[in-house]
PDB file of N, CA and C in Angstrom:
ATOM      1  N   MET A   1      87.692 105.776  43.448  1.00  0.00           N
ATOM      2  CA  MET A   1      87.334 107.160  43.708  1.00  0.00           C
ATOM      3  C   MET A   1      85.807 107.309  43.677  1.00  0.00           C
ATOM      4  N   THR A   2      85.283 108.059  44.597  1.00  0.00           N
ATOM      5  CA  THR A   2      83.839 108.254  44.696  1.00  0.00           C
ATOM      6  C   THR A   2      83.324 109.089  43.535  1.00  0.00           C
ATOM      7  N   LYS A   3      82.246 108.648  42.944  1.00  0.00           N
ATOM      8  CA  LYS A   3      81.629 109.361  41.820  1.00  0.00           C
ATOM      9  C   LYS A   3      80.829 110.551  42.334  1.00  0.00           C
ATOM     10  N   ARG A   4      80.897 111.650  41.574  1.00  0.00           N
ATOM     11  CA  ARG A   4      80.175 112.873  41.943  1.00  0.00           C
ATOM     12  C   ARG A   4      78.967 113.051  41.035  1.00  0.00           C
ATOM     13  N   ILE A   5      77.817 113.310  41.667  1.00  0.00           N
ATOM     14  CA  ILE A   5      76.567 113.496  40.944  1.00  0.00           C
ATOM     15  C   ILE A   5      75.988 114.861  41.284  1.00  0.00           C
ATOM     16  N   LEU A   6      75.467 115.540  40.274  1.00  0.00           N
ATOM     17  CA  LEU A   6      74.767 116.806  40.461  1.00  0.00           C
ATOM     18  C   LEU A   6      73.286 116.570  40.195  1.00  0.00           C
ATOM     19  N   VAL A   7      72.461 116.859  41.202  1.00  0.00           N
ATOM     20  CA  VAL A   7      71.002 116.724  41.081  1.00  0.00           C
ATOM     21  C   VAL A   7      70.429 118.116  40.870  1.00  0.00           C
ATOM     22  N   VAL A   8      69.689 118.297  39.762  1.00  0.00           N
ATOM     23  CA  VAL A   8      69.137 119.600  39.415  1.00  0.00           C
ATOM     24  C   VAL A   8      67.619 119.488  39.338  1.00  0.00           C
ATOM     25  N   ASP A   9      66.942 120.128  40.288  1.00  0.00           N
ATOM     26  CA  ASP A   9      65.482 120.086  40.333  1.00  0.00           C
ATOM     27  C   ASP A   9      65.003 121.288  41.132  1.00  0.00           C
ATOM     28  N   ASP A  10      63.919 121.914  40.697  1.00  0.00           N
ATOM     29  CA  ASP A  10      63.427 123.098  41.412  1.00  0.00           C
ATOM     30  C   ASP A  10      62.613 122.743  42.652  1.00  0.00           C
ATOM     31  N   GLU A  11      62.279 121.477  42.845  1.00  0.00           N
ATOM     32  CA  GLU A  11      61.538 121.063  44.031  1.00  0.00           C
ATOM     33  C   GLU A  11      62.504 120.593  45.114  1.00  0.00           C
ATOM     34  N   ASN A  12      62.516 121.313  46.238  1.00  0.00           N
ATOM     35  CA  ASN A  12      63.425 120.987  47.326  1.00  0.00           C
ATOM     36  C   ASN A  12      63.247 119.558  47.828  1.00  0.00           C
ATOM     37  N   SER A  13      62.000 119.096  47.921  1.00  0.00           N
ATOM     38  CA  SER A  13      61.762 117.743  48.436  1.00  0.00           C
ATOM     39  C   SER A  13      62.384 116.679  47.519  1.00  0.00           C
ATOM     40  N   ILE A  14      62.337 116.904  46.211  1.00  0.00           N
ATOM     41  CA  ILE A  14      62.930 115.958  45.255  1.00  0.00           C
ATOM     42  C   ILE A  14      64.448 115.988  45.380  1.00  0.00           C
ATOM     43  N   ARG A  15      65.028 117.196  45.413  1.00  0.00           N
ATOM     44  CA  ARG A  15      66.483 117.315  45.560  1.00  0.00           C
ATOM     45  C   ARG A  15      66.957 116.587  46.814  1.00  0.00           C
ATOM     46  N   THR A  16      66.249 116.803  47.914  1.00  0.00           N
ATOM     47  CA  THR A  16      66.635 116.188  49.183  1.00  0.00           C
ATOM     48  C   THR A  16      66.507 114.669  49.123  1.00  0.00           C
ATOM     49  N   LEU A  17      65.405 114.174  48.584  1.00  0.00           N
ATOM     50  CA  LEU A  17      65.187 112.728  48.455  1.00  0.00           C
ATOM     51  C   LEU A  17      66.287 112.093  47.602  1.00  0.00           C
ATOM     52  N   TYR A  18      66.525 112.648  46.419  1.00  0.00           N
ATOM     53  CA  TYR A  18      67.541 112.080  45.528  1.00  0.00           C
ATOM     54  C   TYR A  18      68.917 112.140  46.175  1.00  0.00           C
ATOM     55  N   ARG A  19      69.238 113.284  46.793  1.00  0.00           N
ATOM     56  CA  ARG A  19      70.547 113.435  47.439  1.00  0.00           C
ATOM     57  C   ARG A  19      70.721 112.362  48.515  1.00  0.00           C
ATOM     58  N   ASP A  20      69.745 112.223  49.395  1.00  0.00           N
ATOM     59  CA  ASP A  20      69.853 111.257  50.480  1.00  0.00           C
ATOM     60  C   ASP A  20      69.979 109.832  49.963  1.00  0.00           C
ATOM     61  N   GLU A  21      69.169 109.473  48.980  1.00  0.00           N
ATOM     62  CA  GLU A  21      69.213 108.114  48.425  1.00  0.00           C
ATOM     63  C   GLU A  21      70.555 107.835  47.738  1.00  0.00           C
ATOM     64  N   LEU A  22      71.072 108.817  47.008  1.00  0.00           N
ATOM     65  CA  LEU A  22      72.341 108.623  46.302  1.00  0.00           C
ATOM     66  C   LEU A  22      73.529 108.648  47.257  1.00  0.00           C
ATOM     67  N   LEU A  23      73.436 109.435  48.316  1.00  0.00           N
ATOM     68  CA  LEU A  23      74.477 109.392  49.359  1.00  0.00           C
ATOM     69  C   LEU A  23      74.527 108.003  49.977  1.00  0.00           C
ATOM     70  N   ASP A  24      73.353 107.422  50.222  1.00  0.00           N
ATOM     71  CA  ASP A  24      73.282 106.063  50.772  1.00  0.00           C
ATOM     72  C   ASP A  24      73.912 105.039  49.831  1.00  0.00           C
ATOM     73  N   GLU A  25      73.920 105.327  48.535  1.00  0.00           N
ATOM     74  CA  GLU A  25      74.532 104.440  47.547  1.00  0.00           C
ATOM     75  C   GLU A  25      76.045 104.651  47.456  1.00  0.00           C
ATOM     76  N   GLY A  26      76.551 105.650  48.188  1.00  0.00           N
ATOM     77  CA  GLY A  26      77.996 105.878  48.226  1.00  0.00           C
ATOM     78  C   GLY A  26      78.520 106.956  47.296  1.00  0.00           C
ATOM     79  N   TYR A  27      77.631 107.740  46.694  1.00  0.00           N
ATOM     80  CA  TYR A  27      78.061 108.810  45.798  1.00  0.00           C
ATOM     81  C   TYR A  27      78.228 110.125  46.557  1.00  0.00           C
ATOM     82  N   ASP A  28      79.075 111.014  46.035  1.00  0.00           N
ATOM     83  CA  ASP A  28      79.106 112.399  46.486  1.00  0.00           C
ATOM     84  C   ASP A  28      78.019 113.119  45.698  1.00  0.00           C
ATOM     85  N   VAL A  29      77.183 113.910  46.350  1.00  0.00           N
ATOM     86  CA  VAL A  29      76.047 114.528  45.678  1.00  0.00           C
ATOM     87  C   VAL A  29      75.973 116.012  46.005  1.00  0.00           C
ATOM     88  N   ASP A  30      75.872 116.823  44.963  1.00  0.00           N
ATOM     89  CA  ASP A  30      75.580 118.241  45.096  1.00  0.00           C
ATOM     90  C   ASP A  30      74.221 118.484  44.465  1.00  0.00           C
ATOM     91  N   THR A  31      73.589 119.594  44.832  1.00  0.00           N
ATOM     92  CA  THR A  31      72.286 119.916  44.262  1.00  0.00           C
ATOM     93  C   THR A  31      72.263 121.347  43.747  1.00  0.00           C
ATOM     94  N   ALA A  32      71.363 121.584  42.815  1.00  0.00           N
ATOM     95  CA  ALA A  32      71.098 122.924  42.288  1.00  0.00           C
ATOM     96  C   ALA A  32      69.609 123.003  42.017  1.00  0.00           C
ATOM     97  N   ASN A  33      69.005 124.193  42.231  1.00  0.00           N
ATOM     98  CA  ASN A  33      67.552 124.263  42.059  1.00  0.00           C
ATOM     99  C   ASN A  33      67.104 124.816  40.712  1.00  0.00           C
ATOM    100  N   ASN A  34      68.039 125.041  39.793  1.00  0.00           N
ATOM    101  CA  ASN A  34      67.673 125.368  38.415  1.00  0.00           C
ATOM    102  C   ASN A  34      68.896 125.211  37.518  1.00  0.00           C
ATOM    103  N   GLY A  35      68.669 125.318  36.214  1.00  0.00           N
ATOM    104  CA  GLY A  35      69.757 125.134  35.264  1.00  0.00           C
ATOM    105  C   GLY A  35      70.863 126.161  35.399  1.00  0.00           C
ATOM    106  N   LYS A  36      70.508 127.386  35.719  1.00  0.00           N
ATOM    107  CA  LYS A  36      71.522 128.438  35.876  1.00  0.00           C
ATOM    108  C   LYS A  36      72.474 128.105  37.029  1.00  0.00           C
ATOM    109  N   MET A  37      71.909 127.685  38.161  1.00  0.00           N
ATOM    110  CA  MET A  37      72.749 127.298  39.300  1.00  0.00           C
ATOM    111  C   MET A  37      73.581 126.056  38.971  1.00  0.00           C
ATOM    112  N   ALA A  38      73.023 125.155  38.175  1.00  0.00           N
ATOM    113  CA  ALA A  38      73.754 123.954  37.788  1.00  0.00           C
ATOM    114  C   ALA A  38      74.954 124.306  36.911  1.00  0.00           C
ATOM    115  N   LEU A  39      74.789 125.249  35.993  1.00  0.00           N
ATOM    116  CA  LEU A  39      75.921 125.686  35.176  1.00  0.00           C
ATOM    117  C   LEU A  39      77.011 126.303  36.037  1.00  0.00           C
ATOM    118  N   GLU A  40      76.605 127.068  37.052  1.00  0.00           N
ATOM    119  CA  GLU A  40      77.582 127.638  37.980  1.00  0.00           C
ATOM    120  C   GLU A  40      78.323 126.529  38.721  1.00  0.00           C
ATOM    121  N   ALA A  41      77.608 125.498  39.150  1.00  0.00           N
ATOM    122  CA  ALA A  41      78.237 124.370  39.842  1.00  0.00           C
ATOM    123  C   ALA A  41      79.233 123.661  38.919  1.00  0.00           C
ATOM    124  N   LEU A  42      78.865 123.493  37.656  1.00  0.00           N
ATOM    125  CA  LEU A  42      79.760 122.857  36.688  1.00  0.00           C
ATOM    126  C   LEU A  42      81.018 123.692  36.451  1.00  0.00           C
ATOM    127  N   SER A  43      80.894 125.001  36.530  1.00  0.00           N
ATOM    128  CA  SER A  43      82.054 125.860  36.314  1.00  0.00           C
ATOM    129  C   SER A  43      83.034 125.786  37.488  1.00  0.00           C
ATOM    130  N   ARG A  44      82.535 125.354  38.664  1.00  0.00           N
ATOM    131  CA  ARG A  44      83.385 125.272  39.857  1.00  0.00           C
ATOM    132  C   ARG A  44      84.001 123.891  40.061  1.00  0.00           C
ATOM    133  N   GLY A  45      83.462 122.874  39.404  1.00  0.00           N
ATOM    134  CA  GLY A  45      83.975 121.522  39.619  1.00  0.00           C
ATOM    135  C   GLY A  45      83.445 120.557  38.589  1.00  0.00           C
ATOM    136  N   SER A  46      83.964 119.343  38.622  1.00  0.00           N
ATOM    137  CA  SER A  46      83.534 118.350  37.639  1.00  0.00           C
ATOM    138  C   SER A  46      82.610 117.322  38.293  1.00  0.00           C
ATOM    139  N   TYR A  47      81.760 116.762  37.469  1.00  0.00           N
ATOM    140  CA  TYR A  47      80.804 115.748  37.910  1.00  0.00           C
ATOM    141  C   TYR A  47      80.893 114.548  36.990  1.00  0.00           C
ATOM    142  N   ASP A  48      80.503 113.402  37.520  1.00  0.00           N
ATOM    143  CA  ASP A  48      80.495 112.179  36.734  1.00  0.00           C
ATOM    144  C   ASP A  48      79.138 111.920  36.091  1.00  0.00           C
ATOM    145  N   LEU A  49      78.093 112.598  36.612  1.00  0.00           N
ATOM    146  CA  LEU A  49      76.746 112.399  36.084  1.00  0.00           C
ATOM    147  C   LEU A  49      75.842 113.509  36.598  1.00  0.00           C
ATOM    148  N   ILE A  50      74.835 113.856  35.794  1.00  0.00           N
ATOM    149  CA  ILE A  50      73.838 114.858  36.190  1.00  0.00           C
ATOM    150  C   ILE A  50      72.455 114.235  36.097  1.00  0.00           C
ATOM    151  N   ILE A  51      71.651 114.450  37.141  1.00  0.00           N
ATOM    152  CA  ILE A  51      70.227 114.083  37.126  1.00  0.00           C
ATOM    153  C   ILE A  51      69.468 115.392  37.034  1.00  0.00           C
ATOM    154  N   LEU A  52      68.574 115.491  36.057  1.00  0.00           N
ATOM    155  CA  LEU A  52      68.032 116.784  35.673  1.00  0.00           C
ATOM    156  C   LEU A  52      66.523 116.757  35.472  1.00  0.00           C
ATOM    157  N   ASP A  53      65.840 117.719  36.072  1.00  0.00           N
ATOM    158  CA  ASP A  53      64.422 117.938  35.798  1.00  0.00           C
ATOM    159  C   ASP A  53      64.333 118.790  34.529  1.00  0.00           C
ATOM    160  N   ILE A  54      63.179 118.830  33.909  1.00  0.00           N
ATOM    161  CA  ILE A  54      63.012 119.663  32.711  1.00  0.00           C
ATOM    162  C   ILE A  54      62.365 120.995  33.052  1.00  0.00           C
ATOM    163  N   SER A  55      61.240 120.963  33.732  1.00  0.00           N
ATOM    164  CA  SER A  55      60.486 122.187  34.009  1.00  0.00           C
ATOM    165  C   SER A  55      61.056 122.897  35.234  1.00  0.00           C
ATOM    166  N   MET A  56      61.861 123.941  34.966  1.00  0.00           N
ATOM    167  CA  MET A  56      62.482 124.724  36.039  1.00  0.00           C
ATOM    168  C   MET A  56      62.534 126.189  35.616  1.00  0.00           C
ATOM    169  N   PRO A  57      62.560 127.093  36.582  1.00  0.00           N
ATOM    170  CA  PRO A  57      62.670 128.520  36.251  1.00  0.00           C
ATOM    171  C   PRO A  57      64.092 128.883  35.814  1.00  0.00           C
ATOM    172  N   GLU A  58      64.219 130.036  35.195  1.00  0.00           N
ATOM    173  CA  GLU A  58      65.479 130.648  34.760  1.00  0.00           C
ATOM    174  C   GLU A  58      66.137 129.948  33.578  1.00  0.00           C
ATOM    175  N   LEU A  59      66.455 128.664  33.726  1.00  0.00           N
ATOM    176  CA  LEU A  59      67.054 127.911  32.627  1.00  0.00           C
ATOM    177  C   LEU A  59      66.519 126.488  32.743  1.00  0.00           C
ATOM    178  N   ASN A  60      65.626 126.100  31.824  1.00  0.00           N
ATOM    179  CA  ASN A  60      65.006 124.783  31.969  1.00  0.00           C
ATOM    180  C   ASN A  60      65.983 123.669  31.586  1.00  0.00           C
ATOM    181  N   GLY A  61      65.558 122.445  31.835  1.00  0.00           N
ATOM    182  CA  GLY A  61      66.436 121.313  31.613  1.00  0.00           C
ATOM    183  C   GLY A  61      66.897 121.137  30.181  1.00  0.00           C
ATOM    184  N   LEU A  62      66.009 121.378  29.222  1.00  0.00           N
ATOM    185  CA  LEU A  62      66.391 121.219  27.819  1.00  0.00           C
ATOM    186  C   LEU A  62      67.405 122.278  27.399  1.00  0.00           C
ATOM    187  N   GLU A  63      67.222 123.503  27.861  1.00  0.00           N
ATOM    188  CA  GLU A  63      68.201 124.563  27.584  1.00  0.00           C
ATOM    189  C   GLU A  63      69.542 124.228  28.235  1.00  0.00           C
ATOM    190  N   PHE A  64      69.479 123.697  29.446  1.00  0.00           N
ATOM    191  CA  PHE A  64      70.686 123.309  30.165  1.00  0.00           C
ATOM    192  C   PHE A  64      71.455 122.234  29.390  1.00  0.00           C
ATOM    193  N   ILE A  65      70.751 121.214  28.912  1.00  0.00           N
ATOM    194  CA  ILE A  65      71.411 120.156  28.139  1.00  0.00           C
ATOM    195  C   ILE A  65      72.140 120.749  26.940  1.00  0.00           C
ATOM    196  N   GLY A  66      71.480 121.667  26.236  1.00  0.00           N
ATOM    197  CA  GLY A  66      72.115 122.296  25.077  1.00  0.00           C
ATOM    198  C   GLY A  66      73.413 122.994  25.435  1.00  0.00           C
ATOM    199  N   LYS A  67      73.415 123.714  26.540  1.00  0.00           N
ATOM    200  CA  LYS A  67      74.624 124.427  26.968  1.00  0.00           C
ATOM    201  C   LYS A  67      75.731 123.460  27.396  1.00  0.00           C
ATOM    202  N   VAL A  68      75.360 122.400  28.091  1.00  0.00           N
ATOM    203  CA  VAL A  68      76.360 121.416  28.513  1.00  0.00           C
ATOM    204  C   VAL A  68      76.945 120.712  27.291  1.00  0.00           C
ATOM    205  N   ARG A  69      76.095 120.326  26.354  1.00  0.00           N
ATOM    206  CA  ARG A  69      76.573 119.589  25.180  1.00  0.00           C
ATOM    207  C   ARG A  69      77.465 120.432  24.270  1.00  0.00           C
ATOM    208  N   GLU A  70      77.363 121.756  24.367  1.00  0.00           N
ATOM    209  CA  GLU A  70      78.267 122.623  23.596  1.00  0.00           C
ATOM    210  C   GLU A  70      79.715 122.431  24.033  1.00  0.00           C
ATOM    211  N   VAL A  71      79.929 122.073  25.294  1.00  0.00           N
ATOM    212  CA  VAL A  71      81.295 121.958  25.821  1.00  0.00           C
ATOM    213  C   VAL A  71      81.667 120.547  26.260  1.00  0.00           C
ATOM    214  N   ASN A  72      80.674 119.671  26.491  1.00  0.00           N
ATOM    215  CA  ASN A  72      80.977 118.330  26.981  1.00  0.00           C
ATOM    216  C   ASN A  72      79.944 117.338  26.469  1.00  0.00           C
ATOM    217  N   MET A  73      80.350 116.548  25.502  1.00  0.00           N
ATOM    218  CA  MET A  73      79.439 115.544  24.937  1.00  0.00           C
ATOM    219  C   MET A  73      79.463 114.241  25.734  1.00  0.00           C
ATOM    220  N   GLU A  74      80.451 114.078  26.610  1.00  0.00           N
ATOM    221  CA  GLU A  74      80.653 112.816  27.308  1.00  0.00           C
ATOM    222  C   GLU A  74      79.955 112.720  28.662  1.00  0.00           C
ATOM    223  N   LEU A  75      79.622 113.844  29.277  1.00  0.00           N
ATOM    224  CA  LEU A  75      79.037 113.850  30.619  1.00  0.00           C
ATOM    225  C   LEU A  75      77.647 113.211  30.596  1.00  0.00           C
ATOM    226  N   PRO A  76      77.452 112.097  31.304  1.00  0.00           N
ATOM    227  CA  PRO A  76      76.124 111.461  31.311  1.00  0.00           C
ATOM    228  C   PRO A  76      75.070 112.359  31.975  1.00  0.00           C
ATOM    229  N   ILE A  77      73.935 112.486  31.300  1.00  0.00           N
ATOM    230  CA  ILE A  77      72.813 113.268  31.813  1.00  0.00           C
ATOM    231  C   ILE A  77      71.574 112.390  31.809  1.00  0.00           C
ATOM    232  N   VAL A  78      70.904 112.338  32.964  1.00  0.00           N
ATOM    233  CA  VAL A  78      69.654 111.591  33.095  1.00  0.00           C
ATOM    234  C   VAL A  78      68.539 112.596  33.334  1.00  0.00           C
ATOM    235  N   ILE A  79      67.588 112.659  32.416  1.00  0.00           N
ATOM    236  CA  ILE A  79      66.401 113.479  32.634  1.00  0.00           C
ATOM    237  C   ILE A  79      65.468 112.693  33.540  1.00  0.00           C
ATOM    238  N   CYS A  80      65.023 113.334  34.596  1.00  0.00           N
ATOM    239  CA  CYS A  80      64.070 112.712  35.510  1.00  0.00           C
ATOM    240  C   CYS A  80      62.955 113.726  35.740  1.00  0.00           C
ATOM    241  N   THR A  81      61.833 113.519  35.063  1.00  0.00           N
ATOM    242  CA  THR A  81      60.764 114.500  35.061  1.00  0.00           C
ATOM    243  C   THR A  81      59.411 113.827  35.274  1.00  0.00           C
ATOM    244  N   ALA A  82      58.451 114.606  35.678  1.00  0.00           N
ATOM    245  CA  ALA A  82      57.094 114.081  35.875  1.00  0.00           C
ATOM    246  C   ALA A  82      56.348 113.944  34.548  1.00  0.00           C
ATOM    247  N   PHE A  83      56.912 114.481  33.476  1.00  0.00           N
ATOM    248  CA  PHE A  83      56.210 114.540  32.198  1.00  0.00           C
ATOM    249  C   PHE A  83      56.827 113.604  31.164  1.00  0.00           C
ATOM    250  N   GLY A  84      56.131 112.537  30.847  1.00  0.00           N
ATOM    251  CA  GLY A  84      56.602 111.615  29.837  1.00  0.00           C
ATOM    252  C   GLY A  84      56.579 112.194  28.432  1.00  0.00           C
ATOM    253  N   THR A  85      55.826 113.270  28.238  1.00  0.00           N
ATOM    254  CA  THR A  85      55.675 113.845  26.902  1.00  0.00           C
ATOM    255  C   THR A  85      56.955 114.469  26.367  1.00  0.00           C
ATOM    256  N   PHE A  86      57.850 114.895  27.235  1.00  0.00           N
ATOM    257  CA  PHE A  86      59.094 115.521  26.772  1.00  0.00           C
ATOM    258  C   PHE A  86      60.010 114.529  26.076  1.00  0.00           C
ATOM    259  N   LYS A  87      59.762 113.246  26.258  1.00  0.00           N
ATOM    260  CA  LYS A  87      60.605 112.221  25.644  1.00  0.00           C
ATOM    261  C   LYS A  87      60.604 112.366  24.121  1.00  0.00           C
ATOM    262  N   GLN A  88      59.535 112.914  23.571  1.00  0.00           N
ATOM    263  CA  GLN A  88      59.430 113.096  22.128  1.00  0.00           C
ATOM    264  C   GLN A  88      60.152 114.352  21.635  1.00  0.00           C
ATOM    265  N   ASP A  89      60.544 115.240  22.553  1.00  0.00           N
ATOM    266  CA  ASP A  89      61.212 116.485  22.196  1.00  0.00           C
ATOM    267  C   ASP A  89      62.646 116.178  21.763  1.00  0.00           C
ATOM    268  N   LEU A  90      63.018 116.628  20.587  1.00  0.00           N
ATOM    269  CA  LEU A  90      64.366 116.347  20.077  1.00  0.00           C
ATOM    270  C   LEU A  90      65.453 116.829  21.025  1.00  0.00           C
ATOM    271  N   ALA A  91      65.222 117.930  21.719  1.00  0.00           N
ATOM    272  CA  ALA A  91      66.228 118.450  22.650  1.00  0.00           C
ATOM    273  C   ALA A  91      66.492 117.459  23.781  1.00  0.00           C
ATOM    274  N   ALA A  92      65.503 116.665  24.143  1.00  0.00           N
ATOM    275  CA  ALA A  92      65.681 115.667  25.208  1.00  0.00           C
ATOM    276  C   ALA A  92      66.597 114.534  24.763  1.00  0.00           C
ATOM    277  N   TRP A  93      66.778 114.395  23.469  1.00  0.00           N
ATOM    278  CA  TRP A  93      67.641 113.336  22.962  1.00  0.00           C
ATOM    279  C   TRP A  93      69.105 113.584  23.307  1.00  0.00           C
ATOM    280  N   GLY A  94      69.432 114.789  23.764  1.00  0.00           N
ATOM    281  CA  GLY A  94      70.797 115.093  24.203  1.00  0.00           C
ATOM    282  C   GLY A  94      71.133 114.434  25.520  1.00  0.00           C
ATOM    283  N   ALA A  95      70.130 113.888  26.183  1.00  0.00           N
ATOM    284  CA  ALA A  95      70.347 113.191  27.452  1.00  0.00           C
ATOM    285  C   ALA A  95      70.681 111.723  27.174  1.00  0.00           C
ATOM    286  N   ASP A  96      71.329 111.097  28.139  1.00  0.00           N
ATOM    287  CA  ASP A  96      71.700 109.694  28.005  1.00  0.00           C
ATOM    288  C   ASP A  96      70.584 108.754  28.439  1.00  0.00           C
ATOM    289  N   ASP A  97      69.674 109.265  29.255  1.00  0.00           N
ATOM    290  CA  ASP A  97      68.564 108.444  29.717  1.00  0.00           C
ATOM    291  C   ASP A  97      67.410 109.368  30.092  1.00  0.00           C
ATOM    292  N   TYR A  98      66.215 108.800  30.157  1.00  0.00           N
ATOM    293  CA  TYR A  98      64.996 109.558  30.431  1.00  0.00           C
ATOM    294  C   TYR A  98      64.120 108.716  31.343  1.00  0.00           C
ATOM    295  N   ILE A  99      63.804 109.238  32.515  1.00  0.00           N
ATOM    296  CA  ILE A  99      63.002 108.510  33.491  1.00  0.00           C
ATOM    297  C   ILE A  99      61.839 109.392  33.931  1.00  0.00           C
ATOM    298  N   VAL A 100      60.658 108.807  34.001  1.00  0.00           N
ATOM    299  CA  VAL A 100      59.515 109.524  34.554  1.00  0.00           C
ATOM    300  C   VAL A 100      59.580 109.371  36.074  1.00  0.00           C
ATOM    301  N   LYS A 101      59.458 110.496  36.781  1.00  0.00           N
ATOM    302  CA  LYS A 101      59.583 110.499  38.244  1.00  0.00           C
ATOM    303  C   LYS A 101      58.634 109.496  38.878  1.00  0.00           C
ATOM    304  N   SER A 102      59.150 108.879  39.939  1.00  0.00           N
ATOM    305  CA  SER A 102      58.383 107.898  40.696  1.00  0.00           C
ATOM    306  C   SER A 102      58.844 107.955  42.146  1.00  0.00           C
ATOM    307  N   SER A 103      57.967 107.550  43.051  1.00  0.00           N
ATOM    308  CA  SER A 103      58.370 107.496  44.457  1.00  0.00           C
ATOM    309  C   SER A 103      59.327 106.331  44.697  1.00  0.00           C
ATOM    310  N   ASP A 104      59.345 105.357  43.795  1.00  0.00           N
ATOM    311  CA  ASP A 104      60.277 104.234  43.864  1.00  0.00           C
ATOM    312  C   ASP A 104      61.530 104.610  43.067  1.00  0.00           C
ATOM    313  N   LEU A 105      62.639 104.778  43.752  1.00  0.00           N
ATOM    314  CA  LEU A 105      63.867 105.237  43.095  1.00  0.00           C
ATOM    315  C   LEU A 105      64.755 104.096  42.601  1.00  0.00           C
ATOM    316  N   THR A 106      64.244 102.876  42.626  1.00  0.00           N
ATOM    317  CA  THR A 106      65.036 101.727  42.186  1.00  0.00           C
ATOM    318  C   THR A 106      65.510 101.893  40.751  1.00  0.00           C
ATOM    319  N   GLU A 107      64.596 102.263  39.857  1.00  0.00           N
ATOM    320  CA  GLU A 107      64.957 102.422  38.443  1.00  0.00           C
ATOM    321  C   GLU A 107      66.006 103.520  38.270  1.00  0.00           C
ATOM    322  N   LEU A 108      65.834 104.645  38.936  1.00  0.00           N
ATOM    323  CA  LEU A 108      66.791 105.738  38.845  1.00  0.00           C
ATOM    324  C   LEU A 108      68.174 105.281  39.312  1.00  0.00           C
ATOM    325  N   LYS A 109      68.242 104.637  40.449  1.00  0.00           N
ATOM    326  CA  LYS A 109      69.531 104.193  40.986  1.00  0.00           C
ATOM    327  C   LYS A 109      70.187 103.149  40.081  1.00  0.00           C
ATOM    328  N   THR A 110      69.382 102.262  39.510  1.00  0.00           N
ATOM    329  CA  THR A 110      69.910 101.242  38.602  1.00  0.00           C
ATOM    330  C   THR A 110      70.506 101.883  37.353  1.00  0.00           C
ATOM    331  N   ARG A 111      69.796 102.842  36.798  1.00  0.00           N
ATOM    332  CA  ARG A 111      70.283 103.492  35.569  1.00  0.00           C
ATOM    333  C   ARG A 111      71.500 104.366  35.841  1.00  0.00           C
ATOM    334  N   VAL A 112      71.513 105.041  36.985  1.00  0.00           N
ATOM    335  CA  VAL A 112      72.682 105.845  37.363  1.00  0.00           C
ATOM    336  C   VAL A 112      73.913 104.945  37.468  1.00  0.00           C
ATOM    337  N   LYS A 113      73.767 103.837  38.158  1.00  0.00           N
ATOM    338  CA  LYS A 113      74.888 102.901  38.317  1.00  0.00           C
ATOM    339  C   LYS A 113      75.375 102.406  36.955  1.00  0.00           C
ATOM    340  N   ALA A 114      74.455 102.044  36.078  1.00  0.00           N
ATOM    341  CA  ALA A 114      74.826 101.536  34.754  1.00  0.00           C
ATOM    342  C   ALA A 114      75.569 102.594  33.944  1.00  0.00           C
ATOM    343  N   LEU A 115      75.087 103.825  33.979  1.00  0.00           N
ATOM    344  CA  LEU A 115      75.758 104.893  33.230  1.00  0.00           C
ATOM    345  C   LEU A 115      77.147 105.172  33.781  1.00  0.00           C
ATOM    346  N   LEU A 116      77.288 105.170  35.091  1.00  0.00           N
ATOM    347  CA  LEU A 116      78.602 105.415  35.687  1.00  0.00           C
ATOM    348  C   LEU A 116      79.577 104.266  35.398  1.00  0.00           C
ATOM    349  N   GLU A 117      79.093 103.061  35.381  1.00  0.00           N
ATOM    350  CA  GLU A 117      79.946 101.925  35.042  1.00  0.00           C
ATOM    351  C   GLU A 117      80.366 101.962  33.582  1.00  0.00           C
ATOM    352  N   ARG A 118      79.473 102.408  32.729  1.00  0.00           N
ATOM    353  CA  ARG A 118      79.775 102.535  31.292  1.00  0.00           C
ATOM    354  C   ARG A 118      80.854 103.589  31.053  1.00  0.00           C
ATOM    355  N   LYS A 119      80.860 104.607  31.905  1.00  0.00           N
ATOM    356  CA  LYS A 119      81.798 105.720  31.750  1.00  0.00           C
ATOM    357  C   LYS A 119      83.218 105.352  32.189  1.00  0.00           C
ATOM    358  N   GLU A 120      83.351 104.353  33.079  1.00  0.00           N
ATOM    359  CA  GLU A 120      84.666 103.987  33.593  1.00  0.00           C
ATOM    360  C   GLU A 120      85.553 103.470  32.475  1.00  0.00           C
ATOM    361  N   PRO A 121      86.871 103.792  32.553  1.00  0.00           N
ATOM    362  CA  PRO A 121      87.802 103.337  31.508  1.00  0.00           C
ATOM    363  C   PRO A 121      87.999 101.835  31.502  1.00  0.00           C
TER     364      PRO A 121
END
């Protein structure tokens, strides 16, 4: 069964890049441009993994993680942000992985694959 990924980022170019690259890897991919929209997407369907920016309007990534973890501790979440400094924030520890954004998506794709394989029964 094809794995479903939700990409949450307020930058359209990043959402599009990640979506296209992950589609090429064979995943089903939905996008949301902030945490509030991502919560709405989660209420409509299930995902196997979330890729999440931190700095977003309405509901930032750290707030989003807190809300998701209240109801689902098992859903893998990968923080992918331009700011390495958030790695020290305790709220970021609710994520399963933390990647600093790069134009080379090899690391992101490798970690996504590893997390999804770890999740399989």
